Amino acid sequence: MCLKEKSNINTKEILAEDIIKQCKELETILQGDRLKSDLFSYEVVRQQGKYNMLDPNARELTGLSKERYIYIIENYSELMQKYPDIKEQAKLILQYIKSANIAKIIATEGCKNCINIASKS
């Protein structure tokens, strides 16, 4: 049975409009995911506390483009409200990195001093 016979509406146009709508929705979702990922990169560097976030070295560490980095700085409060879990995720990854580095030291050195450092963490 052909749908075209029973419909005065051009089905190709309807299909094309639906595909365009779905693509736009997917693009919006992907943009949000990219923004969240970029915000996470920014937050990891920020929480390390080694750089003023206006320092070009801080931007370089995030791996973000200058435009995206500036966008995050200018909209930081709103973005953190939109993605409240980012702070905790960044904190956890930094704790993991610290633990992994301590484990590497113990594995490669194995000295009493390293063991003392690890037991205090």
PDB file of N, CA and C in Angstrom:
ATOM      1  N   MET A   1       0.852  -1.173   0.000  1.00  0.00           N
ATOM      2  CA  MET A   1       0.000   0.000   0.000  1.00  0.00           C
ATOM      3  C   MET A   1       0.899   1.237   0.000  1.00  0.00           C
ATOM      4  N   CYS A   2       0.610   2.174  -0.855  1.00  0.00           N
ATOM      5  CA  CYS A   2       1.416   3.384  -0.985  1.00  0.00           C
ATOM      6  C   CYS A   2       0.796   4.511  -0.166  1.00  0.00           C
ATOM      7  N   LEU A   3       1.582   5.114   0.672  1.00  0.00           N
ATOM      8  CA  LEU A   3       1.096   6.211   1.506  1.00  0.00           C
ATOM      9  C   LEU A   3       0.802   7.457   0.677  1.00  0.00           C
ATOM     10  N   LYS A   4       1.516   7.610  -0.411  1.00  0.00           N
ATOM     11  CA  LYS A   4       1.369   8.799  -1.237  1.00  0.00           C
ATOM     12  C   LYS A   4      -0.039   8.918  -1.807  1.00  0.00           C
ATOM     13  N   GLU A   5      -0.644   7.774  -2.138  1.00  0.00           N
ATOM     14  CA  GLU A   5      -1.993   7.788  -2.710  1.00  0.00           C
ATOM     15  C   GLU A   5      -3.023   8.332  -1.724  1.00  0.00           C
ATOM     16  N   LYS A   6      -2.850   8.057  -0.441  1.00  0.00           N
ATOM     17  CA  LYS A   6      -3.840   8.450   0.554  1.00  0.00           C
ATOM     18  C   LYS A   6      -3.555   9.792   1.200  1.00  0.00           C
ATOM     19  N   SER A   7      -2.454  10.411   0.835  1.00  0.00           N
ATOM     20  CA  SER A   7      -2.089  11.652   1.479  1.00  0.00           C
ATOM     21  C   SER A   7      -1.813  12.727   0.445  1.00  0.00           C
ATOM     22  N   ASN A   8      -2.301  13.917   0.733  1.00  0.00           N
ATOM     23  CA  ASN A   8      -2.027  15.056  -0.136  1.00  0.00           C
ATOM     24  C   ASN A   8      -0.713  15.730   0.251  1.00  0.00           C
ATOM     25  N   ILE A   9      -0.174  15.366   1.401  1.00  0.00           N
ATOM     26  CA  ILE A   9       1.061  15.959   1.904  1.00  0.00           C
ATOM     27  C   ILE A   9       2.237  15.201   1.311  1.00  0.00           C
ATOM     28  N   ASN A  10       3.226  15.937   0.910  1.00  0.00           N
ATOM     29  CA  ASN A  10       4.423  15.340   0.335  1.00  0.00           C
ATOM     30  C   ASN A  10       5.211  14.641   1.438  1.00  0.00           C
ATOM     31  N   THR A  11       5.245  13.307   1.395  1.00  0.00           N
ATOM     32  CA  THR A  11       5.905  12.544   2.446  1.00  0.00           C
ATOM     33  C   THR A  11       7.413  12.774   2.470  1.00  0.00           C
ATOM     34  N   LYS A  12       8.010  13.074   1.335  1.00  0.00           N
ATOM     35  CA  LYS A  12       9.443  13.352   1.315  1.00  0.00           C
ATOM     36  C   LYS A  12       9.755  14.607   2.116  1.00  0.00           C
ATOM     37  N   GLU A  13       8.912  15.620   2.017  1.00  0.00           N
ATOM     38  CA  GLU A  13       9.113  16.854   2.781  1.00  0.00           C
ATOM     39  C   GLU A  13       8.954  16.595   4.279  1.00  0.00           C
ATOM     40  N   ILE A  14       7.953  15.800   4.631  1.00  0.00           N
ATOM     41  CA  ILE A  14       7.734  15.466   6.040  1.00  0.00           C
ATOM     42  C   ILE A  14       8.932  14.693   6.578  1.00  0.00           C
ATOM     43  N   LEU A  15       9.399  13.724   5.811  1.00  0.00           N
ATOM     44  CA  LEU A  15      10.553  12.935   6.228  1.00  0.00           C
ATOM     45  C   LEU A  15      11.788  13.815   6.366  1.00  0.00           C
ATOM     46  N   ALA A  16      12.006  14.703   5.420  1.00  0.00           N
ATOM     47  CA  ALA A  16      13.164  15.601   5.465  1.00  0.00           C
ATOM     48  C   ALA A  16      13.087  16.516   6.687  1.00  0.00           C
ATOM     49  N   GLU A  17      11.912  17.063   6.967  1.00  0.00           N
ATOM     50  CA  GLU A  17      11.745  17.925   8.139  1.00  0.00           C
ATOM     51  C   GLU A  17      11.994  17.151   9.429  1.00  0.00           C
ATOM     52  N   ASP A  18      11.528  15.919   9.483  1.00  0.00           N
ATOM     53  CA  ASP A  18      11.731  15.093  10.672  1.00  0.00           C
ATOM     54  C   ASP A  18      13.217  14.777  10.869  1.00  0.00           C
ATOM     55  N   ILE A  19      13.917  14.458   9.795  1.00  0.00           N
ATOM     56  CA  ILE A  19      15.344  14.168   9.874  1.00  0.00           C
ATOM     57  C   ILE A  19      16.110  15.404  10.346  1.00  0.00           C
ATOM     58  N   ILE A  20      15.774  16.561   9.805  1.00  0.00           N
ATOM     59  CA  ILE A  20      16.434  17.810  10.207  1.00  0.00           C
ATOM     60  C   ILE A  20      16.174  18.086  11.687  1.00  0.00           C
ATOM     61  N   LYS A  21      14.946  17.885  12.128  1.00  0.00           N
ATOM     62  CA  LYS A  21      14.597  18.109  13.534  1.00  0.00           C
ATOM     63  C   LYS A  21      15.406  17.171  14.440  1.00  0.00           C
ATOM     64  N   GLN A  22      15.490  15.899  14.075  1.00  0.00           N
ATOM     65  CA  GLN A  22      16.233  14.931  14.881  1.00  0.00           C
ATOM     66  C   GLN A  22      17.724  15.263  14.903  1.00  0.00           C
ATOM     67  N   CYS A  23      18.259  15.710  13.775  1.00  0.00           N
ATOM     68  CA  CYS A  23      19.674  16.091  13.719  1.00  0.00           C
ATOM     69  C   CYS A  23      19.962  17.290  14.625  1.00  0.00           C
ATOM     70  N   LYS A  24      19.050  18.248  14.633  1.00  0.00           N
ATOM     71  CA  LYS A  24      19.227  19.416  15.493  1.00  0.00           C
ATOM     72  C   LYS A  24      19.165  19.022  16.964  1.00  0.00           C
ATOM     73  N   GLU A  25      18.257  18.113  17.302  1.00  0.00           N
ATOM     74  CA  GLU A  25      18.165  17.641  18.680  1.00  0.00           C
ATOM     75  C   GLU A  25      19.445  16.903  19.082  1.00  0.00           C
ATOM     76  N   LEU A  26      19.953  16.063  18.190  1.00  0.00           N
ATOM     77  CA  LEU A  26      21.196  15.334  18.458  1.00  0.00           C
ATOM     78  C   LEU A  26      22.368  16.291  18.601  1.00  0.00           C
ATOM     79  N   GLU A  27      22.420  17.299  17.758  1.00  0.00           N
ATOM     80  CA  GLU A  27      23.489  18.294  17.839  1.00  0.00           C
ATOM     81  C   GLU A  27      23.455  19.023  19.180  1.00  0.00           C
ATOM     82  N   THR A  28      22.260  19.351  19.646  1.00  0.00           N
ATOM     83  CA  THR A  28      22.107  20.014  20.938  1.00  0.00           C
ATOM     84  C   THR A  28      22.612  19.113  22.072  1.00  0.00           C
ATOM     85  N   ILE A  29      22.273  17.841  22.003  1.00  0.00           N
ATOM     86  CA  ILE A  29      22.723  16.889  23.019  1.00  0.00           C
ATOM     87  C   ILE A  29      24.241  16.773  22.999  1.00  0.00           C
ATOM     88  N   LEU A  30      24.811  16.632  21.818  1.00  0.00           N
ATOM     89  CA  LEU A  30      26.264  16.498  21.694  1.00  0.00           C
ATOM     90  C   LEU A  30      26.990  17.759  22.147  1.00  0.00           C
ATOM     91  N   GLN A  31      26.443  18.930  21.834  1.00  0.00           N
ATOM     92  CA  GLN A  31      27.044  20.183  22.281  1.00  0.00           C
ATOM     93  C   GLN A  31      27.066  20.229  23.802  1.00  0.00           C
ATOM     94  N   GLY A  32      25.970  19.807  24.428  1.00  0.00           N
ATOM     95  CA  GLY A  32      25.902  19.780  25.888  1.00  0.00           C
ATOM     96  C   GLY A  32      26.933  18.836  26.478  1.00  0.00           C
ATOM     97  N   ASP A  33      27.102  17.664  25.861  1.00  0.00           N
ATOM     98  CA  ASP A  33      28.095  16.705  26.335  1.00  0.00           C
ATOM     99  C   ASP A  33      29.507  17.254  26.174  1.00  0.00           C
ATOM    100  N   ARG A  34      29.781  17.921  25.057  1.00  0.00           N
ATOM    101  CA  ARG A  34      31.100  18.510  24.846  1.00  0.00           C
ATOM    102  C   ARG A  34      31.358  19.616  25.851  1.00  0.00           C
ATOM    103  N   LEU A  35      30.342  20.417  26.098  1.00  0.00           N
ATOM    104  CA  LEU A  35      30.488  21.515  27.051  1.00  0.00           C
ATOM    105  C   LEU A  35      30.749  20.962  28.453  1.00  0.00           C
ATOM    106  N   LYS A  36      30.046  19.922  28.823  1.00  0.00           N
ATOM    107  CA  LYS A  36      30.248  19.310  30.143  1.00  0.00           C
ATOM    108  C   LYS A  36      31.662  18.743  30.242  1.00  0.00           C
ATOM    109  N   SER A  37      32.125  18.108  29.197  1.00  0.00           N
ATOM    110  CA  SER A  37      33.485  17.561  29.179  1.00  0.00           C
ATOM    111  C   SER A  37      34.521  18.673  29.277  1.00  0.00           C
ATOM    112  N   ASP A  38      34.287  19.768  28.552  1.00  0.00           N
ATOM    113  CA  ASP A  38      35.211  20.909  28.608  1.00  0.00           C
ATOM    114  C   ASP A  38      35.207  21.549  29.990  1.00  0.00           C
ATOM    115  N   LEU A  39      34.029  21.658  30.584  1.00  0.00           N
ATOM    116  CA  LEU A  39      33.920  22.216  31.931  1.00  0.00           C
ATOM    117  C   LEU A  39      34.665  21.327  32.934  1.00  0.00           C
ATOM    118  N   PHE A  40      34.580  20.023  32.755  1.00  0.00           N
ATOM    119  CA  PHE A  40      35.298  19.088  33.615  1.00  0.00           C
ATOM    120  C   PHE A  40      36.806  19.320  33.508  1.00  0.00           C
ATOM    121  N   SER A  41      37.319  19.468  32.296  1.00  0.00           N
ATOM    122  CA  SER A  41      38.749  19.729  32.095  1.00  0.00           C
ATOM    123  C   SER A  41      39.166  21.018  32.796  1.00  0.00           C
ATOM    124  N   TYR A  42      38.343  22.044  32.662  1.00  0.00           N
ATOM    125  CA  TYR A  42      38.606  23.328  33.301  1.00  0.00           C
ATOM    126  C   TYR A  42      38.629  23.162  34.818  1.00  0.00           C
ATOM    127  N   GLU A  43      37.654  22.445  35.347  1.00  0.00           N
ATOM    128  CA  GLU A  43      37.509  22.302  36.800  1.00  0.00           C
ATOM    129  C   GLU A  43      38.654  21.493  37.406  1.00  0.00           C
ATOM    130  N   VAL A  44      39.147  20.491  36.696  1.00  0.00           N
ATOM    131  CA  VAL A  44      40.281  19.710  37.202  1.00  0.00           C
ATOM    132  C   VAL A  44      41.498  20.610  37.372  1.00  0.00           C
ATOM    133  N   VAL A  45      41.759  21.447  36.388  1.00  0.00           N
ATOM    134  CA  VAL A  45      42.900  22.371  36.476  1.00  0.00           C
ATOM    135  C   VAL A  45      42.656  23.397  37.585  1.00  0.00           C
ATOM    136  N   ARG A  46      41.430  23.909  37.675  1.00  0.00           N
ATOM    137  CA  ARG A  46      41.112  24.920  38.684  1.00  0.00           C
ATOM    138  C   ARG A  46      41.317  24.362  40.094  1.00  0.00           C
ATOM    139  N   GLN A  47      40.840  23.137  40.334  1.00  0.00           N
ATOM    140  CA  GLN A  47      40.932  22.556  41.674  1.00  0.00           C
ATOM    141  C   GLN A  47      42.357  22.208  42.080  1.00  0.00           C
ATOM    142  N   GLN A  48      43.244  22.053  41.113  1.00  0.00           N
ATOM    143  CA  GLN A  48      44.639  21.800  41.466  1.00  0.00           C
ATOM    144  C   GLN A  48      45.239  23.001  42.181  1.00  0.00           C
ATOM    145  N   GLY A  49      44.740  24.193  41.879  1.00  0.00           N
ATOM    146  CA  GLY A  49      45.171  25.398  42.565  1.00  0.00           C
ATOM    147  C   GLY A  49      46.592  25.841  42.250  1.00  0.00           C
ATOM    148  N   LYS A  50      47.166  25.341  41.187  1.00  0.00           N
ATOM    149  CA  LYS A  50      48.543  25.691  40.846  1.00  0.00           C
ATOM    150  C   LYS A  50      48.629  26.950  39.987  1.00  0.00           C
ATOM    151  N   TYR A  51      47.544  27.303  39.324  1.00  0.00           N
ATOM    152  CA  TYR A  51      47.553  28.438  38.403  1.00  0.00           C
ATOM    153  C   TYR A  51      46.368  29.356  38.658  1.00  0.00           C
ATOM    154  N   ASN A  52      46.580  30.630  38.418  1.00  0.00           N
ATOM    155  CA  ASN A  52      45.469  31.561  38.294  1.00  0.00           C
ATOM    156  C   ASN A  52      44.786  31.171  36.987  1.00  0.00           C
ATOM    157  N   MET A  53      43.498  31.043  36.995  1.00  0.00           N
ATOM    158  CA  MET A  53      42.796  30.554  35.806  1.00  0.00           C
ATOM    159  C   MET A  53      42.832  31.534  34.640  1.00  0.00           C
ATOM    160  N   LEU A  54      43.309  32.755  34.866  1.00  0.00           N
ATOM    161  CA  LEU A  54      43.501  33.696  33.765  1.00  0.00           C
ATOM    162  C   LEU A  54      44.891  33.558  33.137  1.00  0.00           C
ATOM    163  N   ASP A  55      45.733  32.737  33.725  1.00  0.00           N
ATOM    164  CA  ASP A  55      47.073  32.470  33.215  1.00  0.00           C
ATOM    165  C   ASP A  55      46.966  31.597  31.955  1.00  0.00           C
ATOM    166  N   PRO A  56      47.652  31.965  30.871  1.00  0.00           N
ATOM    167  CA  PRO A  56      47.611  31.153  29.649  1.00  0.00           C
ATOM    168  C   PRO A  56      48.075  29.707  29.871  1.00  0.00           C
ATOM    169  N   ASN A  57      48.939  29.484  30.852  1.00  0.00           N
ATOM    170  CA  ASN A  57      49.377  28.115  31.152  1.00  0.00           C
ATOM    171  C   ASN A  57      48.219  27.257  31.659  1.00  0.00           C
ATOM    172  N   ALA A  58      47.312  27.848  32.388  1.00  0.00           N
ATOM    173  CA  ALA A  58      46.144  27.115  32.878  1.00  0.00           C
ATOM    174  C   ALA A  58      45.276  26.687  31.696  1.00  0.00           C
ATOM    175  N   ARG A  59      45.062  27.591  30.758  1.00  0.00           N
ATOM    176  CA  ARG A  59      44.275  27.244  29.562  1.00  0.00           C
ATOM    177  C   ARG A  59      44.953  26.126  28.791  1.00  0.00           C
ATOM    178  N   GLU A  60      46.257  26.209  28.672  1.00  0.00           N
ATOM    179  CA  GLU A  60      47.008  25.192  27.948  1.00  0.00           C
ATOM    180  C   GLU A  60      46.838  23.815  28.595  1.00  0.00           C
ATOM    181  N   LEU A  61      46.840  23.776  29.918  1.00  0.00           N
ATOM    182  CA  LEU A  61      46.656  22.507  30.624  1.00  0.00           C
ATOM    183  C   LEU A  61      45.280  21.893  30.379  1.00  0.00           C
ATOM    184  N   THR A  62      44.275  22.717  30.194  1.00  0.00           N
ATOM    185  CA  THR A  62      42.930  22.191  29.958  1.00  0.00           C
ATOM    186  C   THR A  62      42.792  21.580  28.570  1.00  0.00           C
ATOM    187  N   GLY A  63      43.610  22.072  27.622  1.00  0.00           N
ATOM    188  CA  GLY A  63      43.500  21.594  26.246  1.00  0.00           C
ATOM    189  C   GLY A  63      42.352  22.229  25.481  1.00  0.00           C
ATOM    190  N   LEU A  64      41.764  23.274  26.055  1.00  0.00           N
ATOM    191  CA  LEU A  64      40.618  23.930  25.418  1.00  0.00           C
ATOM    192  C   LEU A  64      41.071  25.040  24.481  1.00  0.00           C
ATOM    193  N   SER A  65      40.222  25.328  23.513  1.00  0.00           N
ATOM    194  CA  SER A  65      40.493  26.474  22.645  1.00  0.00           C
ATOM    195  C   SER A  65      40.336  27.751  23.468  1.00  0.00           C
ATOM    196  N   LYS A  66      40.942  28.810  22.996  1.00  0.00           N
ATOM    197  CA  LYS A  66      40.858  30.090  23.705  1.00  0.00           C
ATOM    198  C   LYS A  66      39.407  30.543  23.835  1.00  0.00           C
ATOM    199  N   GLU A  67      38.647  30.371  22.762  1.00  0.00           N
ATOM    200  CA  GLU A  67      37.238  30.806  22.760  1.00  0.00           C
ATOM    201  C   GLU A  67      36.417  30.017  23.778  1.00  0.00           C
ATOM    202  N   ARG A  68      36.610  28.688  23.786  1.00  0.00           N
ATOM    203  CA  ARG A  68      35.850  27.846  24.705  1.00  0.00           C
ATOM    204  C   ARG A  68      36.252  28.146  26.148  1.00  0.00           C
ATOM    205  N   TYR A  69      37.536  28.368  26.373  1.00  0.00           N
ATOM    206  CA  TYR A  69      38.058  28.663  27.707  1.00  0.00           C
ATOM    207  C   TYR A  69      37.455  29.966  28.234  1.00  0.00           C
ATOM    208  N   ILE A  70      37.456  30.984  27.419  1.00  0.00           N
ATOM    209  CA  ILE A  70      36.876  32.282  27.803  1.00  0.00           C
ATOM    210  C   ILE A  70      35.382  32.129  28.068  1.00  0.00           C
ATOM    211  N   TYR A  71      34.707  31.345  27.232  1.00  0.00           N
ATOM    212  CA  TYR A  71      33.278  31.114  27.428  1.00  0.00           C
ATOM    213  C   TYR A  71      33.028  30.498  28.810  1.00  0.00           C
ATOM    214  N   ILE A  72      33.844  29.512  29.188  1.00  0.00           N
ATOM    215  CA  ILE A  72      33.668  28.861  30.492  1.00  0.00           C
ATOM    216  C   ILE A  72      33.945  29.840  31.628  1.00  0.00           C
ATOM    217  N   ILE A  73      34.989  30.642  31.503  1.00  0.00           N
ATOM    218  CA  ILE A  73      35.294  31.634  32.546  1.00  0.00           C
ATOM    219  C   ILE A  73      34.128  32.609  32.705  1.00  0.00           C
ATOM    220  N   GLU A  74      33.615  33.112  31.594  1.00  0.00           N
ATOM    221  CA  GLU A  74      32.544  34.113  31.642  1.00  0.00           C
ATOM    222  C   GLU A  74      31.220  33.543  32.133  1.00  0.00           C
ATOM    223  N   ASN A  75      31.006  32.251  31.951  1.00  0.00           N
ATOM    224  CA  ASN A  75      29.720  31.628  32.305  1.00  0.00           C
ATOM    225  C   ASN A  75      29.866  30.559  33.382  1.00  0.00           C
ATOM    226  N   TYR A  76      30.942  30.645  34.146  1.00  0.00           N
ATOM    227  CA  TYR A  76      31.273  29.600  35.116  1.00  0.00           C
ATOM    228  C   TYR A  76      30.122  29.325  36.097  1.00  0.00           C
ATOM    229  N   SER A  77      29.578  30.346  36.691  1.00  0.00           N
ATOM    230  CA  SER A  77      28.512  30.149  37.700  1.00  0.00           C
ATOM    231  C   SER A  77      27.303  29.439  37.107  1.00  0.00           C
ATOM    232  N   GLU A  78      26.875  29.876  35.946  1.00  0.00           N
ATOM    233  CA  GLU A  78      25.709  29.264  35.299  1.00  0.00           C
ATOM    234  C   GLU A  78      26.001  27.816  34.904  1.00  0.00           C
ATOM    235  N   LEU A  79      27.205  27.580  34.398  1.00  0.00           N
ATOM    236  CA  LEU A  79      27.571  26.223  33.992  1.00  0.00           C
ATOM    237  C   LEU A  79      27.632  25.280  35.186  1.00  0.00           C
ATOM    238  N   MET A  80      28.145  25.764  36.301  1.00  0.00           N
ATOM    239  CA  MET A  80      28.223  24.917  37.490  1.00  0.00           C
ATOM    240  C   MET A  80      26.827  24.620  38.046  1.00  0.00           C
ATOM    241  N   GLN A  81      25.898  25.540  37.855  1.00  0.00           N
ATOM    242  CA  GLN A  81      24.516  25.273  38.259  1.00  0.00           C
ATOM    243  C   GLN A  81      23.895  24.231  37.333  1.00  0.00           C
ATOM    244  N   LYS A  82      24.241  24.302  36.054  1.00  0.00           N
ATOM    245  CA  LYS A  82      23.699  23.361  35.075  1.00  0.00           C
ATOM    246  C   LYS A  82      24.292  21.963  35.261  1.00  0.00           C
ATOM    247  N   TYR A  83      25.580  21.906  35.641  1.00  0.00           N
ATOM    248  CA  TYR A  83      26.282  20.630  35.828  1.00  0.00           C
ATOM    249  C   TYR A  83      26.865  20.563  37.249  1.00  0.00           C
ATOM    250  N   PRO A  84      26.020  20.408  38.253  1.00  0.00           N
ATOM    251  CA  PRO A  84      26.500  20.469  39.643  1.00  0.00           C
ATOM    252  C   PRO A  84      27.430  19.321  40.036  1.00  0.00           C
ATOM    253  N   ASP A  85      27.415  18.234  39.299  1.00  0.00           N
ATOM    254  CA  ASP A  85      28.251  17.082  39.650  1.00  0.00           C
ATOM    255  C   ASP A  85      29.705  17.231  39.210  1.00  0.00           C
ATOM    256  N   ILE A  86      30.015  18.233  38.419  1.00  0.00           N
ATOM    257  CA  ILE A  86      31.371  18.427  37.882  1.00  0.00           C
ATOM    258  C   ILE A  86      32.399  18.633  38.997  1.00  0.00           C
ATOM    259  N   LYS A  87      32.071  19.432  40.001  1.00  0.00           N
ATOM    260  CA  LYS A  87      33.031  19.692  41.088  1.00  0.00           C
ATOM    261  C   LYS A  87      33.431  18.399  41.787  1.00  0.00           C
ATOM    262  N   GLU A  88      32.461  17.585  42.101  1.00  0.00           N
ATOM    263  CA  GLU A  88      32.747  16.329  42.800  1.00  0.00           C
ATOM    264  C   GLU A  88      33.522  15.372  41.900  1.00  0.00           C
ATOM    265  N   GLN A  89      33.180  15.309  40.628  1.00  0.00           N
ATOM    266  CA  GLN A  89      33.908  14.439  39.699  1.00  0.00           C
ATOM    267  C   GLN A  89      35.366  14.873  39.583  1.00  0.00           C
ATOM    268  N   ALA A  90      35.598  16.167  39.498  1.00  0.00           N
ATOM    269  CA  ALA A  90      36.970  16.688  39.409  1.00  0.00           C
ATOM    270  C   ALA A  90      37.738  16.363  40.687  1.00  0.00           C
ATOM    271  N   LYS A  91      37.090  16.522  41.822  1.00  0.00           N
ATOM    272  CA  LYS A  91      37.730  16.220  43.109  1.00  0.00           C
ATOM    273  C   LYS A  91      38.127  14.750  43.181  1.00  0.00           C
ATOM    274  N   LEU A  92      37.239  13.870  42.731  1.00  0.00           N
ATOM    275  CA  LEU A  92      37.520  12.440  42.758  1.00  0.00           C
ATOM    276  C   LEU A  92      38.669  12.067  41.834  1.00  0.00           C
ATOM    277  N   ILE A  93      38.709  12.651  40.654  1.00  0.00           N
ATOM    278  CA  ILE A  93      39.793  12.324  39.719  1.00  0.00           C
ATOM    279  C   ILE A  93      41.127  12.818  40.247  1.00  0.00           C
ATOM    280  N   LEU A  94      41.137  13.970  40.893  1.00  0.00           N
ATOM    281  CA  LEU A  94      42.383  14.471  41.480  1.00  0.00           C
ATOM    282  C   LEU A  94      42.849  13.585  42.635  1.00  0.00           C
ATOM    283  N   GLN A  95      41.920  13.084  43.440  1.00  0.00           N
ATOM    284  CA  GLN A  95      42.283  12.155  44.517  1.00  0.00           C
ATOM    285  C   GLN A  95      42.843  10.858  43.931  1.00  0.00           C
ATOM    286  N   TYR A  96      42.229  10.404  42.857  1.00  0.00           N
ATOM    287  CA  TYR A  96      42.703   9.193  42.202  1.00  0.00           C
ATOM    288  C   TYR A  96      44.120   9.397  41.657  1.00  0.00           C
ATOM    289  N   ILE A  97      44.366  10.519  41.017  1.00  0.00           N
ATOM    290  CA  ILE A  97      45.693  10.815  40.463  1.00  0.00           C
ATOM    291  C   ILE A  97      46.738  10.845  41.580  1.00  0.00           C
ATOM    292  N   LYS A  98      46.382  11.483  42.691  1.00  0.00           N
ATOM    293  CA  LYS A  98      47.307  11.552  43.830  1.00  0.00           C
ATOM    294  C   LYS A  98      47.617  10.152  44.348  1.00  0.00           C
ATOM    295  N   SER A  99      46.607   9.329  44.517  1.00  0.00           N
ATOM    296  CA  SER A  99      46.807   7.966  45.001  1.00  0.00           C
ATOM    297  C   SER A  99      47.649   7.151  44.025  1.00  0.00           C
ATOM    298  N   ALA A 100      47.382   7.322  42.734  1.00  0.00           N
ATOM    299  CA  ALA A 100      48.139   6.586  41.724  1.00  0.00           C
ATOM    300  C   ALA A 100      49.603   7.001  41.729  1.00  0.00           C
ATOM    301  N   ASN A 101      49.859   8.281  41.913  1.00  0.00           N
ATOM    302  CA  ASN A 101      51.244   8.757  41.959  1.00  0.00           C
ATOM    303  C   ASN A 101      51.971   8.226  43.186  1.00  0.00           C
ATOM    304  N   ILE A 102      51.292   8.201  44.317  1.00  0.00           N
ATOM    305  CA  ILE A 102      51.892   7.655  45.528  1.00  0.00           C
ATOM    306  C   ILE A 102      52.199   6.167  45.330  1.00  0.00           C
ATOM    307  N   ALA A 103      51.272   5.440  44.706  1.00  0.00           N
ATOM    308  CA  ALA A 103      51.491   4.016  44.455  1.00  0.00           C
ATOM    309  C   ALA A 103      52.691   3.804  43.542  1.00  0.00           C
ATOM    310  N   LYS A 104      52.864   4.674  42.566  1.00  0.00           N
ATOM    311  CA  LYS A 104      54.020   4.573  41.660  1.00  0.00           C
ATOM    312  C   LYS A 104      55.318   4.779  42.432  1.00  0.00           C
ATOM    313  N   ILE A 105      55.325   5.763  43.317  1.00  0.00           N
ATOM    314  CA  ILE A 105      56.519   6.030  44.115  1.00  0.00           C
ATOM    315  C   ILE A 105      56.864   4.807  44.963  1.00  0.00           C
ATOM    316  N   ILE A 106      55.868   4.258  45.618  1.00  0.00           N
ATOM    317  CA  ILE A 106      56.105   3.082  46.472  1.00  0.00           C
ATOM    318  C   ILE A 106      56.594   1.908  45.635  1.00  0.00           C
ATOM    319  N   ALA A 107      55.988   1.720  44.477  1.00  0.00           N
ATOM    320  CA  ALA A 107      56.365   0.596  43.621  1.00  0.00           C
ATOM    321  C   ALA A 107      57.789   0.743  43.085  1.00  0.00           C
ATOM    322  N   THR A 108      58.177   1.962  42.765  1.00  0.00           N
ATOM    323  CA  THR A 108      59.508   2.146  42.183  1.00  0.00           C
ATOM    324  C   THR A 108      60.591   2.329  43.235  1.00  0.00           C
ATOM    325  N   GLU A 109      60.263   2.899  44.364  1.00  0.00           N
ATOM    326  CA  GLU A 109      61.267   3.191  45.388  1.00  0.00           C
ATOM    327  C   GLU A 109      61.194   2.220  46.555  1.00  0.00           C
ATOM    328  N   GLY A 110      59.992   2.078  47.068  1.00  0.00           N
ATOM    329  CA  GLY A 110      59.798   1.154  48.174  1.00  0.00           C
ATOM    330  C   GLY A 110      60.514   1.521  49.461  1.00  0.00           C
ATOM    331  N   CYS A 111      60.863   2.782  49.602  1.00  0.00           N
ATOM    332  CA  CYS A 111      61.583   3.188  50.810  1.00  0.00           C
ATOM    333  C   CYS A 111      60.609   3.460  51.962  1.00  0.00           C
ATOM    334  N   LYS A 112      61.143   3.495  53.173  1.00  0.00           N
ATOM    335  CA  LYS A 112      60.320   3.744  54.363  1.00  0.00           C
ATOM    336  C   LYS A 112      59.653   5.113  54.297  1.00  0.00           C
ATOM    337  N   ASN A 113      60.356   6.108  53.765  1.00  0.00           N
ATOM    338  CA  ASN A 113      59.804   7.452  53.674  1.00  0.00           C
ATOM    339  C   ASN A 113      58.543   7.461  52.790  1.00  0.00           C
ATOM    340  N   CYS A 114      58.606   6.762  51.658  1.00  0.00           N
ATOM    341  CA  CYS A 114      57.455   6.698  50.761  1.00  0.00           C
ATOM    342  C   CYS A 114      56.278   5.985  51.418  1.00  0.00           C
ATOM    343  N   ILE A 115      56.588   4.927  52.138  1.00  0.00           N
ATOM    344  CA  ILE A 115      55.538   4.180  52.824  1.00  0.00           C
ATOM    345  C   ILE A 115      54.880   5.066  53.883  1.00  0.00           C
ATOM    346  N   ASN A 116      55.686   5.861  54.586  1.00  0.00           N
ATOM    347  CA  ASN A 116      55.130   6.800  55.571  1.00  0.00           C
ATOM    348  C   ASN A 116      54.234   7.834  54.912  1.00  0.00           C
ATOM    349  N   ILE A 117      54.671   8.352  53.775  1.00  0.00           N
ATOM    350  CA  ILE A 117      53.850   9.341  53.046  1.00  0.00           C
ATOM    351  C   ILE A 117      52.525   8.714  52.643  1.00  0.00           C
ATOM    352  N   ALA A 118      52.572   7.505  52.106  1.00  0.00           N
ATOM    353  CA  ALA A 118      51.362   6.822  51.639  1.00  0.00           C
ATOM    354  C   ALA A 118      50.422   6.517  52.798  1.00  0.00           C
ATOM    355  N   SER A 119      50.957   6.171  53.941  1.00  0.00           N
ATOM    356  CA  SER A 119      50.093   5.820  55.064  1.00  0.00           C
ATOM    357  C   SER A 119      49.420   7.052  55.660  1.00  0.00           C
ATOM    358  N   LYS A 120      49.994   8.245  55.434  1.00  0.00           N
ATOM    359  CA  LYS A 120      49.381   9.483  55.943  1.00  0.00           C
ATOM    360  C   LYS A 120      48.280   9.993  55.037  1.00  0.00           C
ATOM    361  N   SER A 121      48.241   9.584  53.786  1.00  0.00           N
ATOM    362  CA  SER A 121      47.255  10.095  52.815  1.00  0.00           C
ATOM    363  C   SER A 121      45.902   9.502  53.014  1.00  0.00           C
TER     364      SER A 121
END
